[in-house]
Amino acid sequence: MKWGRTLARHGALRPIEQAPQTPMPVKRVARLARFGAIQPSEPNYARAFEDIGPAAIKLGQSLATRPDLVGEAAARNLLSLQDSLPPVPFAAIRREIEASFGQPIDTLYAHIDPEPVGSASIAQVHRATTIEGRDVAVKVLRPGIRDRFAKDIETYEWAAAHVEALGGEAARLRPALTIANFKRWTLRELDLRREAASASELAESMKGYEGYCVPGIDWDRTNGRVMTIEWIDGIKISDTEALKAAGHDLPELARRLVLAFLTQAIAAGYFHADMHQGNLFVQADGTIVAIDFGIMGRIDRRARAWLAEILYGLTTGNYRRVAEIHFEAQYVPSHHSVEEFATALRAVGEPMRGKPVSELSVGQMLDGLFAITRDFDMQTQPHLLLLQKTMVMVEGIATQLDPEINMWDVSAPYVRGWIRDELGPEAALADRLREDTETLLRIPALIRRLEEQYPPKGGAPEPPPLPEVELVWERSREPRRWPGYLLAGAAGIAVAWLAAAQGWIG
């Protein structure tokens, strides 16, 4: 109810009440929460989530990728959500660092600036110099943030489970699974060792890509609550005027950013899923540098193949193949028609082809896509949520750098090449050869396991077969035939009585 009152003050409950797909019990709760509140005419979801607290800020960022769940206007508003809070006093940060390492801060850093360079909902960052003289950034979790997030996420789980249990549209959108994914992402962010490992893995997978860089990790000064990473000097990618003044080619930067994302998502299957403007810098030589690896996405090879074919089908207008992939991946239930789904995709895809992003109506496109998901009973695919969120971010930054960029034209050659290399005849033959070779190499081990299970006969002669003898205790375990015993007993009594009556006995 406290959160509901906060949402009401920012006008964020009125659309929930008015939406026809909102379950009636949820509407009643919304009316109760807003009772007596003065609501502004235009809802401001971003400010409402900021007022609720750190966990709500992270939840709002996740919901910004779900216009099918919260509505297109709300999703657009949530994209403006600022993940920033007043900084924690440096004395508390110092205690966190010393407690986590079990040693004085002076033994780790020659100098650390008490003024943070960034202060977000989960952690804040300070510039420092190690005792070896290297410039680094020190990321420290806010004191008590883990306990606070655990309590809030428990409430989100409770609410999502109750909403989903109402059935109908709420069940199709799978809010409980959305919160489960949010919980997994957040727990990863609350362990800075995992963020450091994510940065290291991404750096390894992007080693051969020119013009994209991931800072190095100082593992000796990194633990679950503190992460030390190489300091980056550069211009924020959102500062287009500074980039122009420094002589950078903005259309080339936009193109390289899109291809870097495609390389991560399609080729590596592991991508930086928090590529907003504050997490990307441009160095003097034009290299794009990414920071903040708390949220990472992973896609298995089969899903990557489907994704590549879907993107390529949309860029070339092969809607029939795109529809077939949705059925092969079981995104669409089999009782629907492939042809009908292909026609629906064409209605959404054709207006987008051949146009720069600046001429596209994102709202109209999203409305069309979400209408398709409802009409064809498509359930939310949680493993693609982060991908969707990141694609929106990358498109936004690329458009800011180059308003005339055409995402389809930039993507198509890369996707076509990847499909040819990974899904073409040569790749299929190479996969078959690799699988068959691995199978042949497993045969000796299989034979050894069979011999261990069924050892060869030999040595002493095999004894002759012995007759089976029923044991007494085994007989006693058999089920008793009480009806037969009773019948036999009754017959015996009858015979004895008859004999006595005839004078045969005595």
Protein backbone atom coordinates (compact mmCIF):
# COMPACT_ATOMS: atom_id res chain seq x y z
CA MET A 1 0.00 0.00 0.00
CA LYS A 2 2.92 2.34 0.70
CA TRP A 3 4.28 1.74 -2.80
CA GLY A 4 0.77 2.14 -4.21
CA ARG A 5 0.46 5.54 -2.58
CA THR A 6 3.78 6.59 -4.12
CA LEU A 7 2.65 5.45 -7.56
CA ALA A 8 -0.64 7.32 -7.11
CA ARG A 9 1.13 10.62 -6.29
CA HIS A 10 2.87 10.39 -9.67
CA GLY A 11 -0.30 9.40 -11.54
CA ALA A 12 1.01 5.92 -12.29
CA LEU A 13 -2.09 4.02 -11.09
CA ARG A 14 -4.68 5.60 -13.38
CA PRO A 15 -3.53 3.76 -16.56
CA ILE A 16 -3.57 0.49 -14.62
CA GLU A 17 -7.20 1.06 -13.69
CA GLN A 18 -8.16 2.07 -17.23
CA ALA A 19 -6.43 -0.77 -19.09
CA PRO A 20 -9.05 -3.33 -20.23
CA GLN A 21 -6.65 -6.27 -19.71
CA THR A 22 -5.98 -5.41 -16.05
CA PRO A 23 -7.62 -8.05 -13.82
CA MET A 24 -10.50 -6.69 -11.73
CA PRO A 25 -8.88 -7.52 -8.32
CA VAL A 26 -5.82 -5.45 -9.36
CA LYS A 27 -8.07 -2.55 -10.32
CA ARG A 28 -9.72 -2.68 -6.90
CA VAL A 29 -6.34 -2.58 -5.14
CA ALA A 30 -5.29 0.38 -7.32
CA ARG A 31 -8.48 2.30 -6.43
CA LEU A 32 -7.88 1.65 -2.75
CA ALA A 33 -4.23 2.76 -2.94
CA ARG A 34 -5.03 6.04 -4.70
CA PHE A 35 -7.99 6.96 -2.48
CA GLY A 36 -7.63 10.62 -1.52
CA ALA A 37 -4.42 11.12 -3.52
CA ILE A 38 -4.04 14.07 -5.89
CA GLN A 39 -2.91 12.57 -9.20
CA PRO A 40 -1.22 14.59 -11.97
CA SER A 41 -2.78 14.45 -15.43
CA GLU A 42 0.35 12.90 -17.01
CA PRO A 43 1.76 9.81 -15.25
CA ASN A 44 5.49 9.80 -14.47
CA TYR A 45 6.46 6.20 -13.89
CA ALA A 46 10.19 6.88 -13.77
CA ARG A 47 9.95 9.36 -10.90
CA ALA A 48 7.60 7.05 -9.01
CA PHE A 49 10.05 4.16 -9.17
CA GLU A 50 12.89 6.45 -8.12
CA ASP A 51 10.91 7.53 -5.03
CA ILE A 52 10.14 3.93 -4.03
CA GLY A 53 13.81 2.97 -3.80
CA PRO A 54 16.82 1.14 -5.28
CA ALA A 55 15.13 -2.20 -6.03
CA ALA A 56 12.23 -0.39 -7.72
CA ILE A 57 14.69 1.52 -9.92
CA LYS A 58 16.15 -1.76 -11.16
CA LEU A 59 12.66 -3.21 -11.61
CA GLY A 60 11.63 -0.15 -13.61
CA GLN A 61 14.62 -0.60 -15.91
CA SER A 62 13.52 -4.19 -16.53
CA LEU A 63 9.90 -3.18 -17.19
CA ALA A 64 11.12 -0.62 -19.74
CA THR A 65 11.75 -3.62 -22.02
CA ARG A 66 8.19 -4.93 -21.56
CA PRO A 67 5.77 -2.57 -23.36
CA ASP A 68 3.54 -5.63 -23.81
CA LEU A 69 3.26 -5.80 -20.02
CA VAL A 70 3.19 -2.12 -18.97
CA GLY A 71 2.12 -0.39 -22.17
CA GLU A 72 4.11 1.48 -24.80
CA ALA A 73 3.80 4.92 -23.15
CA ALA A 74 4.93 3.61 -19.75
CA ALA A 75 7.86 1.74 -21.29
CA ARG A 76 9.02 4.88 -23.10
CA ASN A 77 8.77 6.88 -19.87
CA LEU A 78 10.72 4.23 -17.90
CA LEU A 79 13.59 4.47 -20.38
CA SER A 80 14.29 7.90 -18.81
CA LEU A 81 14.73 6.28 -15.39
CA GLN A 82 17.91 7.59 -13.81
CA ASP A 83 19.77 5.01 -11.78
CA SER A 84 21.33 7.53 -9.43
CA LEU A 85 21.03 8.19 -5.72
CA PRO A 86 22.74 10.56 -3.28
CA PRO A 87 26.20 9.17 -2.49
CA VAL A 88 27.02 7.28 0.69
CA PRO A 89 29.48 9.19 2.94
CA PHE A 90 33.06 8.16 2.21
CA ALA A 91 33.59 7.06 5.82
CA ALA A 92 31.02 4.27 5.30
CA ILE A 93 32.61 3.33 1.96
CA ARG A 94 36.02 3.17 3.61
CA ARG A 95 34.66 0.82 6.29
CA GLU A 96 33.14 -1.42 3.60
CA ILE A 97 36.45 -1.68 1.75
CA GLU A 98 38.50 -2.39 4.88
CA ALA A 99 35.99 -4.90 6.25
CA SER A 100 35.75 -6.81 2.97
CA PHE A 101 39.53 -7.13 2.59
CA GLY A 102 40.35 -7.38 6.29
CA GLN A 103 43.14 -4.80 6.02
CA PRO A 104 43.61 -1.00 6.06
CA ILE A 105 42.72 0.83 2.86
CA ASP A 106 46.23 2.33 2.71
CA THR A 107 47.69 -1.11 1.99
CA LEU A 108 45.53 -1.36 -1.17
CA TYR A 109 45.48 2.13 -2.64
CA ALA A 110 48.00 4.94 -2.52
CA HIS A 111 45.14 7.38 -2.97
CA ILE A 112 41.37 7.18 -3.31
CA ASP A 113 39.22 10.20 -4.09
CA PRO A 114 36.50 10.62 -1.42
CA GLU A 115 34.19 12.22 -4.00
CA PRO A 116 32.50 9.50 -6.10
CA VAL A 117 32.46 9.70 -9.88
CA GLY A 118 29.15 7.85 -9.92
CA SER A 119 26.50 6.87 -7.38
CA ALA A 120 23.82 4.38 -8.46
CA SER A 121 21.19 2.31 -6.67
CA ILE A 122 23.47 -0.65 -5.95
CA ALA A 123 27.00 0.75 -5.77
CA GLN A 124 29.11 3.84 -6.17
CA VAL A 125 32.45 4.35 -7.89
CA HIS A 126 35.57 6.21 -6.74
CA ARG A 127 38.73 6.99 -8.68
CA ALA A 128 41.90 5.70 -7.05
CA THR A 129 45.58 4.95 -7.57
CA THR A 130 47.03 1.61 -6.51
CA ILE A 131 50.21 1.38 -4.46
CA GLU A 132 51.92 0.29 -7.73
CA GLY A 133 50.85 3.57 -9.36
CA ARG A 134 48.04 2.36 -11.66
CA ASP A 135 44.92 4.51 -12.13
CA VAL A 136 41.82 2.46 -11.34
CA ALA A 137 38.11 2.77 -10.63
CA VAL A 138 36.87 1.25 -7.35
CA LYS A 139 33.27 0.08 -7.28
CA VAL A 140 31.79 -0.52 -3.80
CA LEU A 141 28.36 -1.89 -2.86
CA ARG A 142 26.16 0.37 -0.77
CA PRO A 143 26.12 -0.80 2.88
CA GLY A 144 23.09 -3.01 3.62
CA ILE A 145 21.94 -3.08 -0.01
CA ARG A 146 21.81 -6.89 -0.22
CA ASP A 147 19.34 -7.21 2.67
CA ARG A 148 17.15 -4.42 1.30
CA PHE A 149 17.00 -5.95 -2.17
CA ALA A 150 16.19 -9.40 -0.76
CA LYS A 151 13.21 -8.00 1.15
CA ASP A 152 11.88 -6.01 -1.84
CA ILE A 153 12.30 -8.88 -4.31
CA GLU A 154 10.34 -11.16 -1.98
CA THR A 155 7.46 -8.68 -2.19
CA TYR A 156 7.71 -8.53 -6.01
CA GLU A 157 7.56 -12.34 -6.17
CA TRP A 158 4.48 -12.40 -3.95
CA ALA A 159 2.69 -9.77 -6.04
CA ALA A 160 3.61 -11.33 -9.41
CA ALA A 161 2.47 -14.80 -8.32
CA HIS A 162 -0.92 -13.45 -7.26
CA VAL A 163 -1.40 -11.46 -10.47
CA GLU A 164 -0.47 -14.44 -12.64
CA ALA A 165 -2.83 -16.71 -10.70
CA LEU A 166 -5.72 -14.51 -11.88
CA GLY A 167 -5.30 -16.09 -15.34
CA GLY A 168 -6.17 -14.60 -18.72
CA GLU A 169 -3.86 -11.98 -20.20
CA ALA A 170 -1.93 -11.76 -16.92
CA ALA A 171 -0.99 -15.43 -17.14
CA ARG A 172 0.08 -15.18 -20.81
CA LEU A 173 2.46 -12.31 -20.02
CA ARG A 174 4.11 -14.41 -17.26
CA PRO A 175 4.89 -11.71 -14.67
CA ALA A 176 6.23 -14.29 -12.19
CA LEU A 177 8.87 -15.37 -14.70
CA THR A 178 9.71 -11.74 -15.38
CA ILE A 179 10.40 -11.21 -11.67
CA ALA A 180 12.41 -14.45 -11.56
CA ASN A 181 14.66 -13.13 -14.33
CA PHE A 182 14.91 -9.76 -12.60
CA LYS A 183 15.93 -11.53 -9.40
CA ARG A 184 18.64 -13.50 -11.19
CA TRP A 185 20.05 -10.38 -12.86
CA THR A 186 20.00 -8.43 -9.61
CA LEU A 187 21.69 -11.13 -7.53
CA ARG A 188 24.46 -11.17 -10.14
CA GLU A 189 24.88 -7.41 -9.76
CA LEU A 190 25.08 -7.75 -5.98
CA ASP A 191 28.19 -9.98 -6.26
CA LEU A 192 30.99 -7.89 -7.73
CA ARG A 193 33.16 -10.97 -8.29
CA ARG A 194 30.65 -12.15 -10.85
CA GLU A 195 30.65 -8.76 -12.53
CA ALA A 196 34.44 -8.91 -12.72
CA ALA A 197 34.23 -12.41 -14.22
CA SER A 198 31.67 -11.17 -16.75
CA ALA A 199 34.00 -8.37 -17.85
CA SER A 200 36.86 -10.83 -18.21
CA GLU A 201 34.77 -13.25 -20.28
CA LEU A 202 33.47 -10.49 -22.57
CA ALA A 203 37.01 -9.18 -23.09
CA GLU A 204 38.10 -12.66 -24.13
CA SER A 205 35.23 -13.15 -26.58
CA MET A 206 35.77 -9.70 -28.17
CA LYS A 207 39.55 -9.94 -28.37
CA GLY A 208 39.58 -10.07 -32.17
CA TYR A 209 37.12 -7.21 -32.74
CA GLU A 210 38.81 -3.94 -33.70
CA GLY A 211 37.66 -0.73 -32.05
CA TYR A 212 35.91 -2.19 -29.00
CA CYS A 213 37.56 -2.57 -25.62
CA VAL A 214 36.77 -3.91 -22.13
CA PRO A 215 38.86 -2.58 -19.18
CA GLY A 216 41.12 -5.01 -17.31
CA ILE A 217 40.24 -6.32 -13.83
CA ASP A 218 42.55 -5.97 -10.81
CA TRP A 219 41.77 -9.36 -9.25
CA ASP A 220 43.98 -8.73 -6.19
CA ARG A 221 41.69 -5.84 -5.20
CA THR A 222 38.35 -7.44 -6.09
CA ASN A 223 35.93 -9.40 -3.91
CA GLY A 224 32.16 -9.78 -3.50
CA ARG A 225 31.66 -6.20 -2.26
CA VAL A 226 34.50 -4.33 -3.98
CA MET A 227 35.67 -4.40 -7.59
CA THR A 228 38.78 -2.65 -8.90
CA ILE A 229 38.98 -2.08 -12.65
CA GLU A 230 41.24 -0.20 -15.05
CA TRP A 231 40.46 3.53 -15.24
CA ILE A 232 39.23 4.71 -18.64
CA ASP A 233 39.84 8.20 -20.04
CA GLY A 234 37.38 9.03 -22.79
CA ILE A 235 34.33 10.98 -23.92
CA LYS A 236 30.86 9.72 -23.07
CA ILE A 237 29.26 8.39 -26.23
CA SER A 238 26.18 10.54 -25.49
CA ASP A 239 28.23 13.76 -25.75
CA THR A 240 28.01 14.16 -29.52
CA GLU A 241 29.33 17.73 -29.52
CA ALA A 242 32.50 16.70 -27.69
CA LEU A 243 32.91 13.74 -30.05
CA LYS A 244 32.65 16.03 -33.08
CA ALA A 245 35.10 18.50 -31.54
CA ALA A 246 37.58 15.65 -31.00
CA GLY A 247 37.32 14.75 -34.70
CA HIS A 248 35.49 11.43 -34.38
CA ASP A 249 33.44 10.01 -37.26
CA LEU A 250 29.99 9.68 -35.66
CA PRO A 251 28.34 7.53 -38.39
CA GLU A 252 31.29 5.15 -38.19
CA LEU A 253 30.97 4.98 -34.40
CA ALA A 254 27.26 4.18 -34.75
CA ARG A 255 27.95 1.45 -37.30
CA ARG A 256 30.73 -0.08 -35.17
CA LEU A 257 28.53 -0.07 -32.06
CA VAL A 258 25.74 -1.97 -33.87
CA LEU A 259 28.20 -4.53 -35.26
CA ALA A 260 29.85 -4.93 -31.84
CA PHE A 261 26.46 -5.79 -30.35
CA LEU A 262 25.69 -8.27 -33.15
CA THR A 263 29.11 -9.86 -32.71
CA GLN A 264 28.47 -10.37 -29.02
CA ALA A 265 24.87 -11.56 -29.31
CA ILE A 266 25.03 -13.73 -32.44
CA ALA A 267 28.66 -14.84 -32.76
CA ALA A 268 29.62 -15.18 -29.09
CA GLY A 269 26.19 -15.68 -27.53
CA TYR A 270 27.32 -13.52 -24.61
CA PHE A 271 26.60 -9.80 -24.64
CA HIS A 272 26.80 -6.65 -22.53
CA ALA A 273 23.15 -6.11 -21.63
CA ASP A 274 23.47 -2.65 -20.04
CA MET A 275 24.73 -0.68 -23.03
CA HIS A 276 23.13 2.64 -22.14
CA GLN A 277 24.82 5.96 -22.84
CA GLY A 278 26.46 6.26 -19.42
CA ASN A 279 28.27 2.94 -19.82
CA LEU A 280 30.00 3.64 -23.16
CA PHE A 281 33.02 5.90 -23.75
CA VAL A 282 35.09 6.79 -26.81
CA GLN A 283 38.87 7.01 -26.45
CA ALA A 284 41.11 9.38 -28.41
CA ASP A 285 41.83 6.75 -31.08
CA GLY A 286 38.10 6.08 -31.60
CA THR A 287 37.93 2.87 -29.60
CA ILE A 288 34.55 2.28 -27.91
CA VAL A 289 35.03 1.23 -24.28
CA ALA A 290 32.27 -0.44 -22.27
CA ILE A 291 31.95 -0.37 -18.47
CA ASP A 292 29.52 -1.77 -15.86
CA PHE A 293 29.07 -5.48 -16.50
CA GLY A 294 26.53 -6.27 -13.79
CA ILE A 295 23.89 -7.28 -16.35
CA MET A 296 25.00 -9.73 -19.03
CA GLY A 297 22.97 -11.78 -21.49
CA ARG A 298 23.60 -15.30 -22.75
CA ILE A 299 21.98 -17.13 -25.70
CA ASP A 300 22.62 -20.76 -26.62
CA ARG A 301 23.67 -21.70 -30.14
CA ARG A 302 20.25 -22.90 -31.30
CA ALA A 303 18.57 -19.68 -30.15
CA ARG A 304 21.34 -17.66 -31.85
CA ALA A 305 20.69 -19.49 -35.11
CA TRP A 306 16.98 -18.73 -34.83
CA LEU A 307 17.73 -15.09 -34.00
CA ALA A 308 20.07 -14.69 -36.98
CA GLU A 309 17.54 -16.22 -39.38
CA ILE A 310 14.74 -14.05 -37.99
CA LEU A 311 16.82 -10.88 -38.41
CA TYR A 312 17.92 -11.86 -41.90
CA GLY A 313 14.38 -12.84 -42.89
CA LEU A 314 13.06 -9.48 -41.75
CA THR A 315 15.81 -7.57 -43.60
CA THR A 316 15.20 -9.49 -46.85
CA GLY A 317 11.41 -9.71 -46.55
CA ASN A 318 11.35 -13.52 -46.23
CA TYR A 319 8.43 -13.50 -43.78
CA ARG A 320 7.53 -17.10 -44.52
CA ARG A 321 10.89 -18.29 -43.17
CA VAL A 322 10.59 -16.00 -40.15
CA ALA A 323 7.18 -17.50 -39.40
CA GLU A 324 8.53 -21.07 -39.78
CA ILE A 325 11.31 -20.33 -37.27
CA HIS A 326 8.76 -19.13 -34.72
CA PHE A 327 6.93 -22.43 -35.07
CA GLU A 328 10.16 -24.48 -34.99
CA ALA A 329 11.22 -22.68 -31.80
CA GLN A 330 7.71 -23.26 -30.39
CA TYR A 331 7.27 -19.55 -29.78
CA VAL A 332 3.88 -19.89 -31.48
CA PRO A 333 1.54 -22.80 -30.60
CA SER A 334 1.26 -25.35 -33.42
CA HIS A 335 -2.53 -25.00 -33.79
CA HIS A 336 -2.00 -21.63 -35.54
CA SER A 337 -1.33 -21.24 -39.26
CA VAL A 338 2.20 -20.54 -40.50
CA GLU A 339 0.81 -18.67 -43.49
CA GLU A 340 -1.39 -16.45 -41.35
CA PHE A 341 1.52 -15.66 -39.03
CA ALA A 342 3.75 -14.81 -42.01
CA THR A 343 1.10 -12.38 -43.30
CA ALA A 344 0.87 -10.74 -39.86
CA LEU A 345 4.66 -10.32 -39.78
CA ARG A 346 4.59 -8.77 -43.24
CA ALA A 347 2.09 -6.17 -42.04
CA VAL A 348 4.58 -5.08 -39.36
CA GLY A 349 7.86 -5.54 -41.24
CA GLU A 350 7.17 -3.96 -44.64
CA PRO A 351 6.69 -0.39 -43.37
CA MET A 352 10.14 -0.56 -41.69
CA ARG A 353 12.25 -1.84 -44.57
CA GLY A 354 14.49 0.60 -46.41
CA LYS A 355 13.87 3.53 -44.08
CA PRO A 356 16.21 5.26 -41.63
CA VAL A 357 15.38 4.92 -37.96
CA SER A 358 14.42 8.58 -37.82
CA GLU A 359 11.44 7.92 -40.14
CA LEU A 360 10.11 4.90 -38.27
CA SER A 361 7.24 5.08 -35.80
CA VAL A 362 8.52 2.94 -32.96
CA GLY A 363 5.19 3.14 -31.17
CA GLN A 364 3.28 1.96 -34.24
CA MET A 365 5.77 -0.87 -34.79
CA LEU A 366 5.53 -2.04 -31.17
CA ASP A 367 1.74 -1.87 -31.23
CA GLY A 368 1.76 -4.11 -34.29
CA LEU A 369 4.18 -6.62 -32.79
CA PHE A 370 2.31 -6.90 -29.51
CA ALA A 371 -0.99 -7.32 -31.34
CA ILE A 372 0.60 -10.30 -33.10
CA THR A 373 1.73 -11.83 -29.82
CA ARG A 374 -1.82 -11.60 -28.46
CA ASP A 375 -3.51 -12.87 -31.63
CA PHE A 376 -1.20 -15.88 -31.92
CA ASP A 377 -1.01 -16.78 -28.20
CA MET A 378 2.75 -16.15 -28.03
CA GLN A 379 4.04 -16.38 -24.49
CA THR A 380 6.83 -14.12 -23.27
CA GLN A 381 10.27 -15.60 -23.96
CA PRO A 382 12.33 -14.68 -20.87
CA HIS A 383 15.69 -15.59 -22.43
CA LEU A 384 15.10 -12.92 -25.09
CA LEU A 385 14.09 -10.10 -22.73
CA LEU A 386 17.65 -8.87 -22.15
CA LEU A 387 18.34 -9.07 -25.87
CA GLN A 388 15.28 -6.96 -26.61
CA LYS A 389 16.27 -4.40 -23.97
CA THR A 390 19.81 -4.13 -25.33
CA MET A 391 18.65 -3.82 -28.93
CA VAL A 392 16.47 -0.86 -27.93
CA MET A 393 19.44 0.77 -26.16
CA VAL A 394 21.84 0.21 -29.06
CA GLU A 395 19.33 1.53 -31.57
CA GLY A 396 18.79 4.66 -29.46
CA ILE A 397 22.52 5.42 -29.19
CA ALA A 398 23.17 4.67 -32.86
CA THR A 399 20.33 6.99 -33.90
CA GLN A 400 21.72 9.77 -31.71
CA LEU A 401 25.14 9.40 -33.35
CA ASP A 402 23.74 9.07 -36.88
CA PRO A 403 20.04 9.97 -37.39
CA GLU A 404 20.19 8.57 -40.93
CA ILE A 405 21.44 5.12 -39.96
CA ASN A 406 19.43 2.19 -41.28
CA MET A 407 19.66 -0.65 -38.77
CA TRP A 408 18.58 -3.23 -41.35
CA ASP A 409 21.25 -2.21 -43.88
CA VAL A 410 23.98 -2.29 -41.23
CA SER A 411 22.86 -5.63 -39.81
CA ALA A 412 22.10 -7.55 -43.01
CA PRO A 413 25.68 -8.14 -44.32
CA TYR A 414 26.91 -9.29 -40.92
CA VAL A 415 23.96 -11.60 -40.32
CA ARG A 416 24.18 -12.97 -43.88
CA GLY A 417 27.87 -13.77 -43.40
CA TRP A 418 27.26 -15.45 -40.05
CA ILE A 419 24.46 -17.60 -41.48
CA ARG A 420 26.68 -18.61 -44.41
CA ASP A 421 29.59 -19.50 -42.12
CA GLU A 422 27.61 -21.15 -39.32
CA LEU A 423 24.51 -22.60 -41.02
CA GLY A 424 25.65 -23.14 -44.61
CA PRO A 425 26.53 -26.51 -46.25
CA GLU A 426 30.19 -26.31 -45.27
CA ALA A 427 29.30 -25.60 -41.65
CA ALA A 428 26.76 -28.44 -41.61
CA LEU A 429 29.36 -30.84 -43.03
CA ALA A 430 31.96 -29.66 -40.50
CA ASP A 431 29.49 -30.13 -37.64
CA ARG A 432 28.64 -33.64 -38.87
CA LEU A 433 32.31 -34.58 -39.15
CA ARG A 434 33.02 -33.25 -35.68
CA GLU A 435 30.08 -35.09 -34.14
CA ASP A 436 30.90 -38.35 -35.90
CA THR A 437 34.58 -38.10 -34.90
CA GLU A 438 33.61 -37.49 -31.28
CA THR A 439 31.28 -40.51 -31.43
CA LEU A 440 34.08 -42.73 -32.83
CA LEU A 441 36.47 -41.57 -30.12
CA ARG A 442 33.94 -42.56 -27.46
CA ILE A 443 33.66 -46.17 -28.71
CA PRO A 444 36.78 -47.54 -26.85
CA ALA A 445 35.55 -46.12 -23.55
CA LEU A 446 32.10 -47.59 -24.22
CA ILE A 447 33.58 -51.05 -24.82
CA ARG A 448 35.61 -50.82 -21.60
CA ARG A 449 32.48 -49.95 -19.62
CA LEU A 450 30.64 -52.92 -21.18
CA GLU A 451 33.47 -55.27 -20.24
CA GLU A 452 33.38 -53.94 -16.67
CA GLN A 453 29.65 -54.57 -16.55
CA TYR A 454 29.86 -58.00 -18.22
CA PRO A 455 33.36 -59.45 -17.54
CA PRO A 456 34.54 -62.26 -19.86
CA LYS A 457 34.20 -65.86 -18.56
CA GLY A 458 37.29 -67.89 -17.73
CA GLY A 459 39.33 -69.57 -14.95
CA ALA A 460 37.48 -72.26 -12.92
CA PRO A 461 34.83 -74.35 -14.73
CA GLU A 462 31.31 -73.09 -14.44
CA PRO A 463 29.36 -75.06 -11.77
CA PRO A 464 26.29 -77.07 -12.85
CA PRO A 465 22.89 -75.47 -12.36
CA LEU A 466 21.35 -76.21 -8.95
CA PRO A 467 17.66 -76.91 -8.34
CA GLU A 468 15.61 -74.15 -6.86
CA VAL A 469 14.45 -75.00 -3.34
CA GLU A 470 11.74 -72.96 -1.69
CA LEU A 471 12.86 -71.68 1.68
CA VAL A 472 10.61 -71.68 4.70
CA TRP A 473 10.94 -67.98 5.43
CA GLU A 474 10.22 -67.22 1.83
CA ARG A 475 7.05 -69.30 1.98
CA SER A 476 5.97 -67.44 5.11
CA ARG A 477 6.21 -64.16 3.14
CA GLU A 478 3.61 -65.33 0.64
CA PRO A 479 0.15 -63.82 1.10
CA ARG A 480 -2.05 -66.04 3.22
CA ARG A 481 -5.08 -67.58 1.62
CA TRP A 482 -7.52 -66.94 4.48
CA PRO A 483 -10.70 -67.62 2.53
CA GLY A 484 -9.49 -71.13 1.63
CA TYR A 485 -8.43 -71.84 5.19
CA LEU A 486 -11.81 -70.76 6.55
CA LEU A 487 -13.66 -72.86 3.98
CA ALA A 488 -11.54 -75.94 4.78
CA GLY A 489 -12.05 -75.40 8.51
CA ALA A 490 -15.79 -75.07 8.10
CA ALA A 491 -15.89 -78.25 6.01
CA GLY A 492 -13.91 -80.11 8.71
CA ILE A 493 -16.25 -78.97 11.46
CA ALA A 494 -19.28 -80.01 9.40
CA VAL A 495 -17.84 -83.50 8.83
CA ALA A 496 -17.05 -83.92 12.57
CA TRP A 497 -20.58 -82.83 13.54
CA LEU A 498 -22.15 -85.20 11.01
CA ALA A 499 -20.02 -88.12 12.24
CA ALA A 500 -20.99 -87.43 15.85
CA ALA A 501 -24.64 -87.32 14.90
CA GLN A 502 -24.41 -90.69 13.21
CA GLY A 503 -22.61 -92.23 16.15
CA TRP A 504 -19.36 -92.67 14.19
CA ILE A 505 -17.36 -91.02 16.93
CA GLY A 506 -17.51 -92.25 20.53
